[in-house]
Amino acid sequence: MNIALLGYGRMGQTIEQIAIKRGHTIVLKVDKEDKDYDISKADVAIDFSIPNVAFQNISNCLNNNVPVISGTTGWLENYDNAVALCEEKKGAFIYASNFSLGVNIFFELNKTLAKMMSTLKEYNVSMEEIHHTKKLDAPSGTAITLAEGIIANNPNYEGWLLDDKADKKLPIVAKRIEDVPGTHTVTYESEVDTITIDHVAHNRQGFALGAVIAAEWIVGKAGVFTMNDVLNIG
């Protein structure tokens, strides 16, 4: 399979290594804000770029009938536009805030726990995420997905706040520490005990492997999908 890498930072380089090991060919590597590239030679594109060019990259793929996987966060104000373009062009598109197989299982565990805790008003829920200092957005896309999973399943919360607290708002603390791939912790605390679930990434390999598996899965399909479709969970 011929793969285009849209974004060739540390994640793009890790994806390249895994893709080659799995027998694929990297036919295009686009770094930073390069707008002048030919996407048509790729069977599928994987976008791990930066927020201000992600939608442009995705649109270019869909306009050229190239399935696209995007793990870039911070651009979601244009997500509905990407979905509309995908449907118009009868293309194929997956966005995920995190492609790690373990994290996507963690997302489902988080939703299940939120349902179980929704009637127990004695517990207050909070979240902490830690990433490397080069991460551009806060909170992380993964943290937002986790927060949305809690809010959808617990009527005691109507939204989230970054580094703050308010009634009916889920507080998220975002920390940036050098060389931390990604740690997410959800905590339910009462006066008598604490329940905690967390996911700790040891390196970028898990994110990259999930993205390559998603790219393998989407070729030949049409529609807007999620990692739940890829993994047949949820």
Protein backbone atom coordinates (compact mmCIF):
# COMPACT_ATOMS: atom_id res chain seq x y z
CA MET A 1 0.00 0.00 0.00
CA ASN A 2 1.28 3.48 -0.88
CA ILE A 3 1.00 5.86 2.06
CA ALA A 4 1.33 9.65 2.17
CA LEU A 5 2.46 11.19 5.45
CA LEU A 6 1.01 14.66 5.96
CA GLY A 7 3.16 15.95 8.78
CA TYR A 8 6.64 14.58 9.28
CA GLY A 9 7.44 15.39 12.87
CA ARG A 10 8.22 12.82 15.52
CA MET A 11 4.86 11.10 15.09
CA GLY A 12 5.15 11.03 11.31
CA GLN A 13 8.60 9.49 11.54
CA THR A 14 7.36 6.80 13.94
CA ILE A 15 4.44 6.02 11.62
CA GLU A 16 6.90 5.70 8.73
CA GLN A 17 8.96 3.11 10.62
CA ILE A 18 5.92 1.01 11.52
CA ALA A 19 4.35 1.28 8.06
CA ILE A 20 7.54 0.07 6.38
CA LYS A 21 7.81 -2.84 8.83
CA ARG A 22 4.25 -3.81 7.87
CA GLY A 23 5.17 -3.90 4.19
CA HIS A 24 3.92 -0.50 3.03
CA THR A 25 5.65 2.15 0.94
CA ILE A 26 5.88 5.83 1.90
CA VAL A 27 5.38 7.71 -1.36
CA LEU A 28 5.04 11.23 0.05
CA LYS A 29 6.28 13.08 3.12
CA VAL A 30 4.88 16.59 3.66
CA ASP A 31 6.47 18.67 6.38
CA LYS A 32 4.93 21.66 8.16
CA GLU A 33 2.93 24.02 5.92
CA ASP A 34 3.88 22.71 2.46
CA LYS A 35 0.86 23.28 0.20
CA ASP A 36 2.35 22.20 -3.12
CA TYR A 37 2.27 18.41 -3.19
CA ASP A 38 0.67 15.68 -5.30
CA ILE A 39 -1.52 13.47 -3.11
CA SER A 40 -2.92 11.46 -6.01
CA LYS A 41 -0.06 8.91 -5.99
CA ALA A 42 -1.10 7.66 -2.54
CA ASP A 43 -3.57 4.88 -1.74
CA VAL A 44 -4.20 6.46 1.66
CA ALA A 45 -2.97 9.47 3.62
CA ILE A 46 -2.18 9.79 7.31
CA ASP A 47 -2.35 13.32 8.68
CA PHE A 48 -0.42 14.20 11.83
CA SER A 49 0.28 17.79 10.91
CA ILE A 50 -0.52 21.01 12.82
CA PRO A 51 -3.92 22.55 13.58
CA ASN A 52 -3.85 25.37 11.02
CA VAL A 53 -3.19 23.08 8.04
CA ALA A 54 -5.04 19.89 9.02
CA PHE A 55 -8.35 20.79 7.37
CA GLN A 56 -6.53 21.86 4.20
CA ASN A 57 -4.69 18.51 4.11
CA ILE A 58 -7.90 16.54 4.69
CA SER A 59 -9.76 18.52 2.02
CA ASN A 60 -6.97 17.94 -0.49
CA CYS A 61 -7.20 14.20 0.09
CA LEU A 62 -10.98 14.06 -0.20
CA ASN A 63 -10.98 16.22 -3.32
CA ASN A 64 -8.55 13.77 -4.90
CA ASN A 65 -10.38 10.60 -3.82
CA VAL A 66 -7.66 9.57 -1.36
CA PRO A 67 -8.86 8.06 1.94
CA VAL A 68 -7.48 10.02 4.88
CA ILE A 69 -6.74 9.28 8.52
CA SER A 70 -6.26 12.33 10.77
CA GLY A 71 -4.84 12.39 14.27
CA THR A 72 -4.18 16.13 14.36
CA THR A 73 -6.00 17.90 17.18
CA GLY A 74 -6.95 21.54 17.60
CA TRP A 75 -8.74 21.97 14.25
CA LEU A 76 -12.19 20.59 15.10
CA GLU A 77 -14.07 23.79 14.37
CA ASN A 78 -13.85 22.50 10.78
CA TYR A 79 -14.74 18.88 11.55
CA ASP A 80 -18.34 19.21 10.29
CA ASN A 81 -17.02 20.75 7.08
CA ALA A 82 -14.70 17.78 6.62
CA VAL A 83 -17.60 15.38 7.16
CA ALA A 84 -19.75 17.29 4.63
CA LEU A 85 -16.94 17.24 2.06
CA CYS A 86 -16.36 13.52 2.62
CA GLU A 87 -20.05 12.81 2.04
CA GLU A 88 -20.17 15.07 -1.01
CA LYS A 89 -17.14 13.39 -2.60
CA LYS A 90 -18.16 9.90 -1.41
CA GLY A 91 -14.74 9.65 0.16
CA ALA A 92 -13.39 7.92 3.27
CA PHE A 93 -12.29 9.68 6.44
CA ILE A 94 -11.38 8.86 10.04
CA TYR A 95 -10.58 11.41 12.71
CA ALA A 96 -9.49 10.23 16.13
CA SER A 97 -8.15 12.26 19.03
CA ASN A 98 -6.01 9.21 19.77
CA PHE A 99 -5.32 6.17 17.57
CA SER A 100 -3.79 4.04 20.31
CA LEU A 101 -5.61 0.72 20.56
CA GLY A 102 -5.34 0.85 24.35
CA VAL A 103 -6.70 4.39 24.55
CA ASN A 104 -9.74 3.49 22.48
CA ILE A 105 -10.48 0.65 24.89
CA PHE A 106 -9.92 3.19 27.70
CA PHE A 107 -12.53 5.49 26.09
CA GLU A 108 -15.14 2.72 26.36
CA LEU A 109 -14.12 1.90 29.94
CA ASN A 110 -14.48 5.61 30.79
CA LYS A 111 -18.02 5.73 29.39
CA THR A 112 -19.03 2.60 31.29
CA LEU A 113 -17.66 3.96 34.56
CA ALA A 114 -19.40 7.31 33.97
CA LYS A 115 -22.74 5.51 33.63
CA MET A 116 -22.11 3.54 36.81
CA MET A 117 -21.19 6.69 38.76
CA SER A 118 -23.95 8.92 37.39
CA THR A 119 -26.37 8.29 40.29
CA LEU A 120 -23.72 8.60 43.00
CA LYS A 121 -23.67 12.30 43.75
CA GLU A 122 -21.25 11.73 46.62
CA TYR A 123 -18.45 11.53 44.05
CA ASN A 124 -16.89 14.43 42.16
CA VAL A 125 -15.06 13.63 38.94
CA SER A 126 -11.93 15.35 37.68
CA MET A 127 -9.29 14.71 35.05
CA GLU A 128 -5.59 15.27 34.56
CA GLU A 129 -3.59 14.97 31.36
CA ILE A 130 0.18 15.19 30.97
CA HIS A 131 2.03 15.55 27.66
CA HIS A 132 5.41 16.60 26.30
CA THR A 133 6.25 20.29 26.13
CA LYS A 134 5.94 20.43 22.32
CA LYS A 135 2.23 19.61 22.34
CA LEU A 136 0.45 22.67 20.95
CA ASP A 137 -3.08 22.30 22.34
CA ALA A 138 -4.46 22.00 25.87
CA PRO A 139 -6.35 20.12 27.01
CA SER A 140 -5.38 17.27 24.72
CA GLY A 141 -7.85 15.92 22.20
CA THR A 142 -7.82 12.67 24.15
CA ALA A 143 -8.80 14.51 27.34
CA ILE A 144 -11.65 16.24 25.50
CA THR A 145 -12.89 12.88 24.18
CA LEU A 146 -12.78 11.47 27.71
CA ALA A 147 -14.64 14.51 29.04
CA GLU A 148 -17.30 14.20 26.35
CA GLY A 149 -17.72 10.52 27.26
CA ILE A 150 -18.33 11.44 30.89
CA ILE A 151 -20.68 14.34 30.11
CA ALA A 152 -22.77 12.20 27.75
CA ASN A 153 -23.27 9.56 30.43
CA ASN A 154 -23.45 11.61 33.63
CA PRO A 155 -26.20 14.28 33.89
CA ASN A 156 -24.36 15.92 36.79
CA TYR A 157 -21.96 17.53 34.30
CA GLU A 158 -22.81 19.92 31.47
CA GLY A 159 -19.33 20.76 30.21
CA TRP A 160 -15.66 20.96 31.15
CA LEU A 161 -13.22 23.66 32.22
CA LEU A 162 -9.45 23.82 31.80
CA ASP A 163 -7.54 24.39 35.03
CA ASP A 164 -10.62 25.68 36.85
CA LYS A 165 -13.69 24.54 38.78
CA ALA A 166 -17.37 25.46 38.57
CA ASP A 167 -20.72 23.87 39.29
CA LYS A 168 -21.69 21.16 36.80
CA LYS A 169 -18.35 21.56 34.98
CA LEU A 170 -15.75 18.79 34.82
CA PRO A 171 -12.32 20.22 35.71
CA ILE A 172 -9.36 19.22 33.51
CA VAL A 173 -5.80 19.91 34.61
CA ALA A 174 -3.28 19.98 31.74
CA LYS A 175 0.43 19.63 32.46
CA ARG A 176 3.35 19.83 30.04
CA ILE A 177 6.46 17.90 31.04
CA GLU A 178 9.39 17.10 28.75
CA ASP A 179 9.37 13.69 27.05
CA VAL A 180 5.98 12.49 28.37
CA PRO A 181 4.15 10.74 25.48
CA GLY A 182 0.75 10.99 27.14
CA THR A 183 -0.89 10.20 30.48
CA HIS A 184 -4.63 10.57 31.18
CA THR A 185 -6.21 10.06 34.59
CA VAL A 186 -9.90 10.18 35.51
CA THR A 187 -10.63 10.43 39.23
CA TYR A 188 -13.87 10.02 41.18
CA GLU A 189 -13.46 11.26 44.73
CA SER A 190 -15.76 11.23 47.75
CA GLU A 191 -15.20 11.86 51.43
CA VAL A 192 -14.63 8.15 52.03
CA ASP A 193 -12.66 6.90 49.02
CA THR A 194 -11.23 7.55 45.58
CA ILE A 195 -11.67 5.63 42.32
CA THR A 196 -9.09 6.23 39.59
CA ILE A 197 -8.63 4.93 36.07
CA ASP A 198 -5.70 5.96 33.93
CA HIS A 199 -3.89 5.27 30.70
CA VAL A 200 -0.13 5.78 30.50
CA ALA A 201 1.56 5.71 27.11
CA HIS A 202 5.14 4.45 27.30
CA ASN A 203 6.09 5.76 23.85
CA ARG A 204 4.60 6.87 20.52
CA GLN A 205 4.56 3.37 19.06
CA GLY A 206 0.98 2.68 20.15
CA PHE A 207 -0.38 5.84 18.55
CA ALA A 208 1.50 5.18 15.33
CA LEU A 209 0.51 1.51 15.10
CA GLY A 210 -3.17 2.38 15.55
CA ALA A 211 -2.97 4.98 12.79
CA VAL A 212 -1.39 2.49 10.37
CA ILE A 213 -4.00 -0.16 11.24
CA ALA A 214 -6.75 2.42 10.60
CA ALA A 215 -5.18 3.29 7.25
CA GLU A 216 -5.06 -0.38 6.27
CA TRP A 217 -8.71 -0.79 7.29
CA ILE A 218 -10.16 2.22 5.46
CA VAL A 219 -8.83 1.51 1.96
CA GLY A 220 -11.70 0.46 -0.30
CA LYS A 221 -14.38 1.89 1.98
CA ALA A 222 -16.54 5.01 1.74
CA GLY A 223 -17.89 7.04 4.63
CA VAL A 224 -16.96 8.78 7.86
CA PHE A 225 -15.70 6.32 10.45
CA THR A 226 -14.22 6.18 13.95
CA MET A 227 -11.73 3.91 15.68
CA ASN A 228 -14.70 2.01 17.12
CA ASP A 229 -15.46 0.92 13.56
CA VAL A 230 -11.85 -0.11 13.00
CA LEU A 231 -11.69 -2.11 16.24
CA ASN A 232 -15.34 -3.25 16.18
CA ILE A 233 -15.98 -2.00 19.71
CA GLY A 234 -18.55 0.25 21.37
